Amino acid sequence: MSDQKATSGDKKADAATKPLEKEKIDVSVTPKQGGDKKQTQDNRQYADKVKKSLENDVKKSLDGAKQDGAKKQLDAAEKTAQDAGKKIDPSKIEKVKVKVEGEAGGEKVKRETVVAPKKES
């Protein structure tokens, strides 16, 4: 019975357990507009720092969960983005979008997370 065709359910399960390959991380940070030029400039610089930092954090979380498969990697990336939202200054950043895509077990997988920064109270 080894010549059975894999069902799409099997492929999905396979994709969830195989590690991500050719992963692409796309982080976009939207700085708050308004105020004077200096404030807008400061917000942009802060947004660049946040973007670089978050790209590194997401990459680390993907690498850290590699042995657990693509689904766990995407879950880890999403959690990293959510955690980052708690640390970002909401007076300078409007929103952060993290998109991770890649292939696992021959299937294309993609997860997008949008985080609105909010300080923990």
PDB file of N, CA and C in Angstrom:
ATOM      1  N   MET A   1       0.819  -1.200   0.000  1.00  0.00           N
ATOM      2  CA  MET A   1       0.000   0.000   0.000  1.00  0.00           C
ATOM      3  C   MET A   1       0.859   1.258   0.000  1.00  0.00           C
ATOM      4  N   SER A   2       2.112   1.122  -0.361  1.00  0.00           N
ATOM      5  CA  SER A   2       2.993   2.290  -0.324  1.00  0.00           C
ATOM      6  C   SER A   2       2.793   3.193  -1.532  1.00  0.00           C
ATOM      7  N   ASP A   3       2.017   2.753  -2.523  1.00  0.00           N
ATOM      8  CA  ASP A   3       1.814   3.587  -3.704  1.00  0.00           C
ATOM      9  C   ASP A   3       0.559   4.456  -3.606  1.00  0.00           C
ATOM     10  N   GLN A   4       0.031   4.604  -2.410  1.00  0.00           N
ATOM     11  CA  GLN A   4      -1.129   5.469  -2.211  1.00  0.00           C
ATOM     12  C   GLN A   4      -0.747   6.921  -2.420  1.00  0.00           C
ATOM     13  N   LYS A   5      -1.686   7.671  -2.967  1.00  0.00           N
ATOM     14  CA  LYS A   5      -1.445   9.109  -3.140  1.00  0.00           C
ATOM     15  C   LYS A   5      -1.675   9.805  -1.799  1.00  0.00           C
ATOM     16  N   ALA A   6      -0.836  10.765  -1.501  1.00  0.00           N
ATOM     17  CA  ALA A   6      -1.005  11.530  -0.259  1.00  0.00           C
ATOM     18  C   ALA A   6      -2.220  12.437  -0.413  1.00  0.00           C
ATOM     19  N   THR A   7      -3.074  12.411   0.570  1.00  0.00           N
ATOM     20  CA  THR A   7      -4.236  13.302   0.525  1.00  0.00           C
ATOM     21  C   THR A   7      -3.799  14.695   0.938  1.00  0.00           C
ATOM     22  N   SER A   8      -4.627  15.671   0.653  1.00  0.00           N
ATOM     23  CA  SER A   8      -4.256  17.037   1.010  1.00  0.00           C
ATOM     24  C   SER A   8      -4.148  17.165   2.530  1.00  0.00           C
ATOM     25  N   GLY A   9      -4.916  16.375   3.271  1.00  0.00           N
ATOM     26  CA  GLY A   9      -4.829  16.386   4.734  1.00  0.00           C
ATOM     27  C   GLY A   9      -3.450  15.930   5.196  1.00  0.00           C
ATOM     28  N   ASP A  10      -2.926  14.886   4.532  1.00  0.00           N
ATOM     29  CA  ASP A  10      -1.592  14.400   4.870  1.00  0.00           C
ATOM     30  C   ASP A  10      -0.541  15.457   4.564  1.00  0.00           C
ATOM     31  N   LYS A  11      -0.710  16.122   3.431  1.00  0.00           N
ATOM     32  CA  LYS A  11       0.244  17.159   3.055  1.00  0.00           C
ATOM     33  C   LYS A  11       0.254  18.287   4.082  1.00  0.00           C
ATOM     34  N   LYS A  12      -0.934  18.681   4.522  1.00  0.00           N
ATOM     35  CA  LYS A  12      -1.020  19.763   5.507  1.00  0.00           C
ATOM     36  C   LYS A  12      -0.340  19.355   6.803  1.00  0.00           C
ATOM     37  N   ALA A  13      -0.574  18.114   7.227  1.00  0.00           N
ATOM     38  CA  ALA A  13       0.059  17.615   8.456  1.00  0.00           C
ATOM     39  C   ALA A  13       1.571  17.579   8.270  1.00  0.00           C
ATOM     40  N   ASP A  14       1.985  17.160   7.068  1.00  0.00           N
ATOM     41  CA  ASP A  14       3.393  17.094   6.745  1.00  0.00           C
ATOM     42  C   ASP A  14       4.025  18.491   6.807  1.00  0.00           C
ATOM     43  N   ALA A  15       3.330  19.473   6.241  1.00  0.00           N
ATOM     44  CA  ALA A  15       3.827  20.851   6.215  1.00  0.00           C
ATOM     45  C   ALA A  15       3.952  21.405   7.632  1.00  0.00           C
ATOM     46  N   ALA A  16       3.053  21.001   8.511  1.00  0.00           N
ATOM     47  CA  ALA A  16       3.079  21.520   9.881  1.00  0.00           C
ATOM     48  C   ALA A  16       4.266  20.972  10.668  1.00  0.00           C
ATOM     49  N   THR A  17       4.704  19.747  10.337  1.00  0.00           N
ATOM     50  CA  THR A  17       5.784  19.133  11.108  1.00  0.00           C
ATOM     51  C   THR A  17       7.160  19.348  10.497  1.00  0.00           C
ATOM     52  N   LYS A  18       7.211  19.665   9.214  1.00  0.00           N
ATOM     53  CA  LYS A  18       8.504  19.939   8.566  1.00  0.00           C
ATOM     54  C   LYS A  18       8.929  21.373   8.875  1.00  0.00           C
ATOM     55  N   PRO A  19      10.223  21.596   9.025  1.00  0.00           N
ATOM     56  CA  PRO A  19      10.675  22.981   9.286  1.00  0.00           C
ATOM     57  C   PRO A  19      10.502  23.865   8.051  1.00  0.00           C
ATOM     58  N   LEU A  20      10.376  25.150   8.289  1.00  0.00           N
ATOM     59  CA  LEU A  20      10.243  26.119   7.195  1.00  0.00           C
ATOM     60  C   LEU A  20      11.528  26.171   6.387  1.00  0.00           C
ATOM     61  N   GLU A  21      11.367  26.260   5.071  1.00  0.00           N
ATOM     62  CA  GLU A  21      12.512  26.464   4.192  1.00  0.00           C
ATOM     63  C   GLU A  21      12.257  27.728   3.399  1.00  0.00           C
ATOM     64  N   LYS A  22      13.331  28.341   2.936  1.00  0.00           N
ATOM     65  CA  LYS A  22      13.230  29.578   2.151  1.00  0.00           C
ATOM     66  C   LYS A  22      12.361  30.609   2.860  1.00  0.00           C
ATOM     67  N   GLU A  23      12.502  30.668   4.189  1.00  0.00           N
ATOM     68  CA  GLU A  23      11.648  31.600   4.909  1.00  0.00           C
ATOM     69  C   GLU A  23      12.019  33.043   4.605  1.00  0.00           C
ATOM     70  N   LYS A  24      10.991  33.857   4.547  1.00  0.00           N
ATOM     71  CA  LYS A  24      11.151  35.274   4.255  1.00  0.00           C
ATOM     72  C   LYS A  24      10.412  36.039   5.342  1.00  0.00           C
ATOM     73  N   ILE A  25      11.110  36.944   5.971  1.00  0.00           N
ATOM     74  CA  ILE A  25      10.517  37.744   7.038  1.00  0.00           C
ATOM     75  C   ILE A  25      10.349  39.163   6.530  1.00  0.00           C
ATOM     76  N   ASP A  26       9.148  39.655   6.620  1.00  0.00           N
ATOM     77  CA  ASP A  26       8.877  41.016   6.177  1.00  0.00           C
ATOM     78  C   ASP A  26       8.255  41.775   7.340  1.00  0.00           C
ATOM     79  N   VAL A  27       9.000  42.737   7.862  1.00  0.00           N
ATOM     80  CA  VAL A  27       8.509  43.536   8.976  1.00  0.00           C
ATOM     81  C   VAL A  27       8.283  44.953   8.474  1.00  0.00           C
ATOM     82  N   SER A  28       7.085  45.485   8.689  1.00  0.00           N
ATOM     83  CA  SER A  28       6.864  46.887   8.352  1.00  0.00           C
ATOM     84  C   SER A  28       6.348  47.599   9.596  1.00  0.00           C
ATOM     85  N   VAL A  29       6.942  48.726   9.862  1.00  0.00           N
ATOM     86  CA  VAL A  29       6.602  49.513  11.045  1.00  0.00           C
ATOM     87  C   VAL A  29       6.070  50.865  10.567  1.00  0.00           C
ATOM     88  N   THR A  30       4.874  51.213  11.015  1.00  0.00           N
ATOM     89  CA  THR A  30       4.268  52.479  10.621  1.00  0.00           C
ATOM     90  C   THR A  30       4.447  53.498  11.740  1.00  0.00           C
ATOM     91  N   PRO A  31       5.316  54.507  11.522  1.00  0.00           N
ATOM     92  CA  PRO A  31       5.507  55.523  12.558  1.00  0.00           C
ATOM     93  C   PRO A  31       4.301  56.459  12.627  1.00  0.00           C
ATOM     94  N   LYS A  32       4.075  57.030  13.788  1.00  0.00           N
ATOM     95  CA  LYS A  32       2.982  58.005  13.938  1.00  0.00           C
ATOM     96  C   LYS A  32       3.350  59.262  13.175  1.00  0.00           C
ATOM     97  N   GLN A  33       2.386  59.822  12.474  1.00  0.00           N
ATOM     98  CA  GLN A  33       2.594  61.071  11.743  1.00  0.00           C
ATOM     99  C   GLN A  33       2.024  62.211  12.579  1.00  0.00           C
ATOM    100  N   GLY A  34       2.385  63.405  12.198  1.00  0.00           N
ATOM    101  CA  GLY A  34       1.846  64.561  12.907  1.00  0.00           C
ATOM    102  C   GLY A  34       2.894  65.183  13.806  1.00  0.00           C
ATOM    103  N   GLY A  35       2.503  66.214  14.468  1.00  0.00           N
ATOM    104  CA  GLY A  35       3.477  66.926  15.283  1.00  0.00           C
ATOM    105  C   GLY A  35       4.409  67.705  14.378  1.00  0.00           C
ATOM    106  N   ASP A  36       5.527  68.126  14.926  1.00  0.00           N
ATOM    107  CA  ASP A  36       6.472  68.893  14.109  1.00  0.00           C
ATOM    108  C   ASP A  36       7.402  67.950  13.337  1.00  0.00           C
ATOM    109  N   LYS A  37       8.253  68.555  12.494  1.00  0.00           N
ATOM    110  CA  LYS A  37       9.164  67.763  11.661  1.00  0.00           C
ATOM    111  C   LYS A  37      10.109  66.920  12.511  1.00  0.00           C
ATOM    112  N   LYS A  38      10.611  67.528  13.579  1.00  0.00           N
ATOM    113  CA  LYS A  38      11.566  66.804  14.428  1.00  0.00           C
ATOM    114  C   LYS A  38      10.900  65.568  15.034  1.00  0.00           C
ATOM    115  N   GLN A  39       9.682  65.718  15.512  1.00  0.00           N
ATOM    116  CA  GLN A  39       8.958  64.584  16.101  1.00  0.00           C
ATOM    117  C   GLN A  39       8.745  63.475  15.070  1.00  0.00           C
ATOM    118  N   THR A  40       8.351  63.864  13.860  1.00  0.00           N
ATOM    119  CA  THR A  40       8.136  62.887  12.784  1.00  0.00           C
ATOM    120  C   THR A  40       9.445  62.177  12.456  1.00  0.00           C
ATOM    121  N   GLN A  41      10.540  62.936  12.409  1.00  0.00           N
ATOM    122  CA  GLN A  41      11.868  62.364  12.139  1.00  0.00           C
ATOM    123  C   GLN A  41      12.250  61.378  13.241  1.00  0.00           C
ATOM    124  N   ASP A  42      12.053  61.781  14.504  1.00  0.00           N
ATOM    125  CA  ASP A  42      12.351  60.902  15.641  1.00  0.00           C
ATOM    126  C   ASP A  42      11.549  59.600  15.548  1.00  0.00           C
ATOM    127  N   ASN A  43      10.256  59.734  15.200  1.00  0.00           N
ATOM    128  CA  ASN A  43       9.398  58.562  15.088  1.00  0.00           C
ATOM    129  C   ASN A  43       9.891  57.615  13.996  1.00  0.00           C
ATOM    130  N   ARG A  44      10.358  58.197  12.875  1.00  0.00           N
ATOM    131  CA  ARG A  44      10.880  57.367  11.780  1.00  0.00           C
ATOM    132  C   ARG A  44      12.127  56.611  12.213  1.00  0.00           C
ATOM    133  N   GLN A  45      13.028  57.321  12.908  1.00  0.00           N
ATOM    134  CA  GLN A  45      14.255  56.670  13.370  1.00  0.00           C
ATOM    135  C   GLN A  45      13.929  55.550  14.363  1.00  0.00           C
ATOM    136  N   TYR A  46      12.989  55.828  15.254  1.00  0.00           N
ATOM    137  CA  TYR A  46      12.553  54.821  16.228  1.00  0.00           C
ATOM    138  C   TYR A  46      11.948  53.620  15.484  1.00  0.00           C
ATOM    139  N   ALA A  47      11.155  53.892  14.451  1.00  0.00           N
ATOM    140  CA  ALA A  47      10.531  52.824  13.653  1.00  0.00           C
ATOM    141  C   ALA A  47      11.593  51.946  12.999  1.00  0.00           C
ATOM    142  N   ASP A  48      12.668  52.561  12.493  1.00  0.00           N
ATOM    143  CA  ASP A  48      13.757  51.788  11.880  1.00  0.00           C
ATOM    144  C   ASP A  48      14.420  50.868  12.895  1.00  0.00           C
ATOM    145  N   LYS A  49      14.656  51.400  14.103  1.00  0.00           N
ATOM    146  CA  LYS A  49      15.260  50.580  15.165  1.00  0.00           C
ATOM    147  C   LYS A  49      14.348  49.406  15.517  1.00  0.00           C
ATOM    148  N   VAL A  50      13.056  49.694  15.667  1.00  0.00           N
ATOM    149  CA  VAL A  50      12.083  48.654  16.003  1.00  0.00           C
ATOM    150  C   VAL A  50      12.080  47.575  14.919  1.00  0.00           C
ATOM    151  N   LYS A  51      12.086  48.003  13.663  1.00  0.00           N
ATOM    152  CA  LYS A  51      12.048  47.071  12.542  1.00  0.00           C
ATOM    153  C   LYS A  51      13.259  46.134  12.559  1.00  0.00           C
ATOM    154  N   LYS A  52      14.457  46.705  12.700  1.00  0.00           N
ATOM    155  CA  LYS A  52      15.677  45.884  12.716  1.00  0.00           C
ATOM    156  C   LYS A  52      15.659  44.906  13.888  1.00  0.00           C
ATOM    157  N   SER A  53      15.293  45.415  15.044  1.00  0.00           N
ATOM    158  CA  SER A  53      15.261  44.595  16.247  1.00  0.00           C
ATOM    159  C   SER A  53      14.246  43.454  16.103  1.00  0.00           C
ATOM    160  N   LEU A  54      13.074  43.772  15.600  1.00  0.00           N
ATOM    161  CA  LEU A  54      12.016  42.771  15.459  1.00  0.00           C
ATOM    162  C   LEU A  54      12.365  41.725  14.401  1.00  0.00           C
ATOM    163  N   GLU A  55      13.008  42.155  13.313  1.00  0.00           N
ATOM    164  CA  GLU A  55      13.437  41.194  12.290  1.00  0.00           C
ATOM    165  C   GLU A  55      14.381  40.166  12.906  1.00  0.00           C
ATOM    166  N   ASN A  56      15.339  40.654  13.724  1.00  0.00           N
ATOM    167  CA  ASN A  56      16.276  39.744  14.386  1.00  0.00           C
ATOM    168  C   ASN A  56      15.558  38.814  15.358  1.00  0.00           C
ATOM    169  N   ASP A  57      14.629  39.374  16.144  1.00  0.00           N
ATOM    170  CA  ASP A  57      13.897  38.572  17.126  1.00  0.00           C
ATOM    171  C   ASP A  57      13.064  37.485  16.446  1.00  0.00           C
ATOM    172  N   VAL A  58      12.393  37.851  15.347  1.00  0.00           N
ATOM    173  CA  VAL A  58      11.556  36.884  14.626  1.00  0.00           C
ATOM    174  C   VAL A  58      12.437  35.791  14.028  1.00  0.00           C
ATOM    175  N   LYS A  59      13.576  36.188  13.466  1.00  0.00           N
ATOM    176  CA  LYS A  59      14.501  35.198  12.891  1.00  0.00           C
ATOM    177  C   LYS A  59      14.966  34.220  13.972  1.00  0.00           C
ATOM    178  N   LYS A  60      15.307  34.750  15.145  1.00  0.00           N
ATOM    179  CA  LYS A  60      15.737  33.887  16.257  1.00  0.00           C
ATOM    180  C   LYS A  60      14.617  32.943  16.681  1.00  0.00           C
ATOM    181  N   SER A  61      13.393  33.449  16.747  1.00  0.00           N
ATOM    182  CA  SER A  61      12.279  32.591  17.174  1.00  0.00           C
ATOM    183  C   SER A  61      12.007  31.497  16.139  1.00  0.00           C
ATOM    184  N   LEU A  62      12.173  31.817  14.843  1.00  0.00           N
ATOM    185  CA  LEU A  62      12.007  30.797  13.802  1.00  0.00           C
ATOM    186  C   LEU A  62      13.082  29.721  13.935  1.00  0.00           C
ATOM    187  N   ASP A  63      14.331  30.161  14.132  1.00  0.00           N
ATOM    188  CA  ASP A  63      15.438  29.212  14.282  1.00  0.00           C
ATOM    189  C   ASP A  63      15.254  28.357  15.538  1.00  0.00           C
ATOM    190  N   GLY A  64      14.785  28.991  16.609  1.00  0.00           N
ATOM    191  CA  GLY A  64      14.605  28.289  17.879  1.00  0.00           C
ATOM    192  C   GLY A  64      13.553  27.196  17.814  1.00  0.00           C
ATOM    193  N   ALA A  65      12.563  27.365  16.956  1.00  0.00           N
ATOM    194  CA  ALA A  65      11.470  26.385  16.867  1.00  0.00           C
ATOM    195  C   ALA A  65      11.603  25.475  15.647  1.00  0.00           C
ATOM    196  N   LYS A  66      12.763  25.524  14.983  1.00  0.00           N
ATOM    197  CA  LYS A  66      12.944  24.800  13.720  1.00  0.00           C
ATOM    198  C   LYS A  66      12.637  23.299  13.852  1.00  0.00           C
ATOM    199  N   GLN A  67      13.105  22.674  14.942  1.00  0.00           N
ATOM    200  CA  GLN A  67      12.909  21.231  15.089  1.00  0.00           C
ATOM    201  C   GLN A  67      11.455  20.862  15.369  1.00  0.00           C
ATOM    202  N   ASP A  68      10.628  21.838  15.725  1.00  0.00           N
ATOM    203  CA  ASP A  68       9.227  21.562  16.043  1.00  0.00           C
ATOM    204  C   ASP A  68       8.308  21.664  14.828  1.00  0.00           C
ATOM    205  N   GLY A  69       8.816  22.122  13.696  1.00  0.00           N
ATOM    206  CA  GLY A  69       8.013  22.196  12.481  1.00  0.00           C
ATOM    207  C   GLY A  69       7.508  23.593  12.187  1.00  0.00           C
ATOM    208  N   ALA A  70       6.990  23.763  10.974  1.00  0.00           N
ATOM    209  CA  ALA A  70       6.590  25.068  10.456  1.00  0.00           C
ATOM    210  C   ALA A  70       5.500  25.734  11.291  1.00  0.00           C
ATOM    211  N   LYS A  71       4.490  24.959  11.717  1.00  0.00           N
ATOM    212  CA  LYS A  71       3.389  25.569  12.464  1.00  0.00           C
ATOM    213  C   LYS A  71       3.904  26.188  13.765  1.00  0.00           C
ATOM    214  N   LYS A  72       4.753  25.455  14.462  1.00  0.00           N
ATOM    215  CA  LYS A  72       5.318  25.966  15.718  1.00  0.00           C
ATOM    216  C   LYS A  72       6.208  27.177  15.439  1.00  0.00           C
ATOM    217  N   GLN A  73       6.937  27.152  14.314  1.00  0.00           N
ATOM    218  CA  GLN A  73       7.783  28.289  13.951  1.00  0.00           C
ATOM    219  C   GLN A  73       6.927  29.528  13.721  1.00  0.00           C
ATOM    220  N   LEU A  74       5.825  29.362  12.992  1.00  0.00           N
ATOM    221  CA  LEU A  74       4.941  30.499  12.728  1.00  0.00           C
ATOM    222  C   LEU A  74       4.284  30.982  14.013  1.00  0.00           C
ATOM    223  N   ASP A  75       3.921  30.050  14.881  1.00  0.00           N
ATOM    224  CA  ASP A  75       3.346  30.424  16.188  1.00  0.00           C
ATOM    225  C   ASP A  75       4.361  31.235  16.994  1.00  0.00           C
ATOM    226  N   ALA A  76       5.629  30.783  16.969  1.00  0.00           N
ATOM    227  CA  ALA A  76       6.690  31.476  17.712  1.00  0.00           C
ATOM    228  C   ALA A  76       6.911  32.884  17.151  1.00  0.00           C
ATOM    229  N   ALA A  77       6.879  33.011  15.835  1.00  0.00           N
ATOM    230  CA  ALA A  77       7.067  34.320  15.197  1.00  0.00           C
ATOM    231  C   ALA A  77       5.919  35.255  15.583  1.00  0.00           C
ATOM    232  N   GLU A  78       4.705  34.715  15.605  1.00  0.00           N
ATOM    233  CA  GLU A  78       3.534  35.520  15.963  1.00  0.00           C
ATOM    234  C   GLU A  78       3.632  35.987  17.422  1.00  0.00           C
ATOM    235  N   LYS A  79       4.043  35.075  18.296  1.00  0.00           N
ATOM    236  CA  LYS A  79       4.174  35.426  19.717  1.00  0.00           C
ATOM    237  C   LYS A  79       5.249  36.504  19.900  1.00  0.00           C
ATOM    238  N   THR A  80       6.348  36.380  19.166  1.00  0.00           N
ATOM    239  CA  THR A  80       7.418  37.382  19.228  1.00  0.00           C
ATOM    240  C   THR A  80       6.880  38.753  18.835  1.00  0.00           C
ATOM    241  N   ALA A  81       6.089  38.794  17.782  1.00  0.00           N
ATOM    242  CA  ALA A  81       5.502  40.066  17.324  1.00  0.00           C
ATOM    243  C   ALA A  81       4.555  40.633  18.380  1.00  0.00           C
ATOM    244  N   GLN A  82       3.719  39.768  18.974  1.00  0.00           N
ATOM    245  CA  GLN A  82       2.775  40.218  20.000  1.00  0.00           C
ATOM    246  C   GLN A  82       3.536  40.767  21.214  1.00  0.00           C
ATOM    247  N   ASP A  83       4.588  40.065  21.627  1.00  0.00           N
ATOM    248  CA  ASP A  83       5.393  40.509  22.773  1.00  0.00           C
ATOM    249  C   ASP A  83       6.061  41.844  22.481  1.00  0.00           C
ATOM    250  N   ALA A  84       6.545  42.011  21.258  1.00  0.00           N
ATOM    251  CA  ALA A  84       7.205  43.258  20.873  1.00  0.00           C
ATOM    252  C   ALA A  84       6.235  44.427  20.963  1.00  0.00           C
ATOM    253  N   GLY A  85       4.980  44.172  20.622  1.00  0.00           N
ATOM    254  CA  GLY A  85       3.963  45.219  20.680  1.00  0.00           C
ATOM    255  C   GLY A  85       3.796  45.798  22.072  1.00  0.00           C
ATOM    256  N   LYS A  86       4.102  44.992  23.082  1.00  0.00           N
ATOM    257  CA  LYS A  86       3.975  45.462  24.466  1.00  0.00           C
ATOM    258  C   LYS A  86       5.142  46.360  24.868  1.00  0.00           C
ATOM    259  N   LYS A  87       6.259  46.250  24.132  1.00  0.00           N
ATOM    260  CA  LYS A  87       7.462  47.017  24.492  1.00  0.00           C
ATOM    261  C   LYS A  87       7.616  48.292  23.678  1.00  0.00           C
ATOM    262  N   ILE A  88       6.882  48.391  22.576  1.00  0.00           N
ATOM    263  CA  ILE A  88       7.032  49.522  21.664  1.00  0.00           C
ATOM    264  C   ILE A  88       6.275  50.736  22.197  1.00  0.00           C
ATOM    265  N   ASP A  89       6.878  51.892  22.035  1.00  0.00           N
ATOM    266  CA  ASP A  89       6.272  53.142  22.496  1.00  0.00           C
ATOM    267  C   ASP A  89       5.094  53.518  21.600  1.00  0.00           C
ATOM    268  N   PRO A  90       3.855  53.446  22.130  1.00  0.00           N
ATOM    269  CA  PRO A  90       2.689  53.720  21.293  1.00  0.00           C
ATOM    270  C   PRO A  90       2.564  55.183  20.870  1.00  0.00           C
ATOM    271  N   SER A  91       3.302  56.072  21.518  1.00  0.00           N
ATOM    272  CA  SER A  91       3.240  57.479  21.112  1.00  0.00           C
ATOM    273  C   SER A  91       4.072  57.729  19.851  1.00  0.00           C
ATOM    274  N   LYS A  92       4.945  56.764  19.486  1.00  0.00           N
ATOM    275  CA  LYS A  92       5.800  56.940  18.312  1.00  0.00           C
ATOM    276  C   LYS A  92       5.434  56.015  17.156  1.00  0.00           C
ATOM    277  N   ILE A  93       4.795  54.894  17.472  1.00  0.00           N
ATOM    278  CA  ILE A  93       4.504  53.891  16.448  1.00  0.00           C
ATOM    279  C   ILE A  93       3.003  53.635  16.378  1.00  0.00           C
ATOM    280  N   GLU A  94       2.483  53.651  15.154  1.00  0.00           N
ATOM    281  CA  GLU A  94       1.057  53.401  14.946  1.00  0.00           C
ATOM    282  C   GLU A  94       0.749  51.910  14.926  1.00  0.00           C
ATOM    283  N   LYS A  95       1.490  51.157  14.073  1.00  0.00           N
ATOM    284  CA  LYS A  95       1.290  49.711  14.024  1.00  0.00           C
ATOM    285  C   LYS A  95       2.526  49.017  13.466  1.00  0.00           C
ATOM    286  N   VAL A  96       2.591  47.732  13.743  1.00  0.00           N
ATOM    287  CA  VAL A  96       3.684  46.896  13.271  1.00  0.00           C
ATOM    288  C   VAL A  96       3.066  45.689  12.572  1.00  0.00           C
ATOM    289  N   LYS A  97       3.576  45.380  11.387  1.00  0.00           N
ATOM    290  CA  LYS A  97       3.078  44.217  10.663  1.00  0.00           C
ATOM    291  C   LYS A  97       4.246  43.271  10.419  1.00  0.00           C
ATOM    292  N   VAL A  98       4.059  42.016  10.792  1.00  0.00           N
ATOM    293  CA  VAL A  98       5.083  41.004  10.583  1.00  0.00           C
ATOM    294  C   VAL A  98       4.502  39.918   9.692  1.00  0.00           C
ATOM    295  N   LYS A  99       5.175  39.687   8.577  1.00  0.00           N
ATOM    296  CA  LYS A  99       4.730  38.644   7.651  1.00  0.00           C
ATOM    297  C   LYS A  99       5.864  37.643   7.504  1.00  0.00           C
ATOM    298  N   VAL A 100       5.552  36.381   7.754  1.00  0.00           N
ATOM    299  CA  VAL A 100       6.534  35.316   7.597  1.00  0.00           C
ATOM    300  C   VAL A 100       5.982  34.349   6.568  1.00  0.00           C
ATOM    301  N   GLU A 101       6.789  34.039   5.568  1.00  0.00           N
ATOM    302  CA  GLU A 101       6.362  33.048   4.590  1.00  0.00           C
ATOM    303  C   GLU A 101       7.523  32.142   4.242  1.00  0.00           C
ATOM    304  N   GLY A 102       7.192  30.975   3.735  1.00  0.00           N
ATOM    305  CA  GLY A 102       8.213  30.008   3.353  1.00  0.00           C
ATOM    306  C   GLY A 102       7.555  28.754   2.827  1.00  0.00           C
ATOM    307  N   GLU A 103       8.330  27.681   2.780  1.00  0.00           N
ATOM    308  CA  GLU A 103       7.808  26.402   2.316  1.00  0.00           C
ATOM    309  C   GLU A 103       8.089  25.357   3.383  1.00  0.00           C
ATOM    310  N   ALA A 104       7.142  24.422   3.517  1.00  0.00           N
ATOM    311  CA  ALA A 104       7.316  23.311   4.443  1.00  0.00           C
ATOM    312  C   ALA A 104       6.673  22.088   3.812  1.00  0.00           C
ATOM    313  N   GLY A 105       7.458  21.065   3.608  1.00  0.00           N
ATOM    314  CA  GLY A 105       6.925  19.843   3.015  1.00  0.00           C
ATOM    315  C   GLY A 105       6.304  20.064   1.650  1.00  0.00           C
ATOM    316  N   GLY A 106       6.854  20.997   0.872  1.00  0.00           N
ATOM    317  CA  GLY A 106       6.348  21.259  -0.467  1.00  0.00           C
ATOM    318  C   GLY A 106       5.154  22.205  -0.503  1.00  0.00           C
ATOM    319  N   GLU A 107       4.649  22.600   0.656  1.00  0.00           N
ATOM    320  CA  GLU A 107       3.502  23.508   0.726  1.00  0.00           C
ATOM    321  C   GLU A 107       3.997  24.918   1.039  1.00  0.00           C
ATOM    322  N   LYS A 108       3.356  25.905   0.439  1.00  0.00           N
ATOM    323  CA  LYS A 108       3.671  27.291   0.786  1.00  0.00           C
ATOM    324  C   LYS A 108       2.889  27.643   2.044  1.00  0.00           C
ATOM    325  N   VAL A 109       3.586  28.232   3.004  1.00  0.00           N
ATOM    326  CA  VAL A 109       2.920  28.652   4.235  1.00  0.00           C
ATOM    327  C   VAL A 109       3.195  30.128   4.474  1.00  0.00           C
ATOM    328  N   LYS A 110       2.212  30.806   5.058  1.00  0.00           N
ATOM    329  CA  LYS A 110       2.357  32.244   5.282  1.00  0.00           C
ATOM    330  C   LYS A 110       1.545  32.615   6.514  1.00  0.00           C
ATOM    331  N   ARG A 111       2.089  33.521   7.306  1.00  0.00           N
ATOM    332  CA  ARG A 111       1.343  34.032   8.456  1.00  0.00           C
ATOM    333  C   ARG A 111       1.642  35.510   8.566  1.00  0.00           C
ATOM    334  N   GLU A 112       0.602  36.279   8.769  1.00  0.00           N
ATOM    335  CA  GLU A 112       0.757  37.723   8.896  1.00  0.00           C
ATOM    336  C   GLU A 112       0.152  38.149  10.226  1.00  0.00           C
ATOM    337  N   THR A 113       0.875  38.983  10.941  1.00  0.00           N
ATOM    338  CA  THR A 113       0.410  39.463  12.232  1.00  0.00           C
ATOM    339  C   THR A 113       0.518  40.979  12.264  1.00  0.00           C
ATOM    340  N   VAL A 114      -0.544  41.643  12.639  1.00  0.00           N
ATOM    341  CA  VAL A 114      -0.515  43.094  12.791  1.00  0.00           C
ATOM    342  C   VAL A 114      -0.683  43.388  14.275  1.00  0.00           C
ATOM    343  N   VAL A 115       0.238  44.183  14.798  1.00  0.00           N
ATOM    344  CA  VAL A 115       0.232  44.494  16.221  1.00  0.00           C
ATOM    345  C   VAL A 115       0.117  46.002  16.403  1.00  0.00           C
ATOM    346  N   ALA A 116      -0.824  46.404  17.212  1.00  0.00           N
ATOM    347  CA  ALA A 116      -0.919  47.823  17.603  1.00  0.00           C
ATOM    348  C   ALA A 116      -0.192  47.935  18.943  1.00  0.00           C
ATOM    349  N   PRO A 117       0.843  48.769  18.999  1.00  0.00           N
ATOM    350  CA  PRO A 117       1.614  48.871  20.244  1.00  0.00           C
ATOM    351  C   PRO A 117       0.754  49.355  21.397  1.00  0.00           C
ATOM    352  N   LYS A 118       0.977  48.739  22.532  1.00  0.00           N
ATOM    353  CA  LYS A 118       0.293  49.223  23.741  1.00  0.00           C
ATOM    354  C   LYS A 118       1.184  48.926  24.925  1.00  0.00           C
ATOM    355  N   LYS A 119       1.376  49.947  25.733  1.00  0.00           N
ATOM    356  CA  LYS A 119       2.189  49.783  26.927  1.00  0.00           C
ATOM    357  C   LYS A 119       1.406  48.967  27.930  1.00  0.00           C
ATOM    358  N   GLU A 120       2.124  48.065  28.614  1.00  0.00           N
ATOM    359  CA  GLU A 120       1.473  47.320  29.691  1.00  0.00           C
ATOM    360  C   GLU A 120       1.248  48.253  30.867  1.00  0.00           C
ATOM    361  N   SER A 121       0.082  48.131  31.464  1.00  0.00           N
ATOM    362  CA  SER A 121      -0.187  49.023  32.590  1.00  0.00           C
ATOM    363  C   SER A 121      -0.117  48.285  33.902  1.00  0.00           C
TER     364      SER A 121
END
